[in-house]
Amino acid sequence: MHRALAIAAAATLLPAGPAPANDAPPASGGVTVVQPANNPQATTFASVKDRSYQFTVQGAYLYDSRFGQADCGHRDPPGHEPWHNEPNFTVDGSLASCVFLPFSQTHTYQWVQRGTGKPFVLNIPDGAYNTSDDTGPLVVVIEDVTP
């Protein structure tokens, strides 16, 4: 099963602080688009190990055209129940922190995590429900916020 989803990940990195010890400049960003579920996409830049990166994820997508919407870490279940936390997005194979944040009516979530020295890998895991009619983007902006 595949999700017809698009995650536009605009990675904008702002230089902050001195260059790493190896005198390499801080990582610079680009755009990563993740389309089908379980098709992880790496950012076009490598993060710098131990630098702080702020992730901002915005948007919601239809997870089943007959039922409701999902965003970075929440889902609107059938039957007009309130949104609840659900692991809809991963970074580097681990749940993104948005699943632990309160629901946002604007579908905007922010958190900070450390760089690993490698590109960040973004993914919407394949759910147990029908994914053939999932549509809509999540936009991810990644900024270097190291003081």
Foldseek 3Di string as FASTA:
>chain_A
DKAQEKAKEAEAADFDDAAPPVRDGAKGFGIWIDGIFPPKIFTPIAGQFFFKKKKKKFDWKAQDVVAWIDACFWTQGHDRDDIAGDQFKDKPPHGDCVSVDDDDPRSIDMDMDGGHRGTIIMGGHDDPDDRPHMYDYMYMYMYGPGD
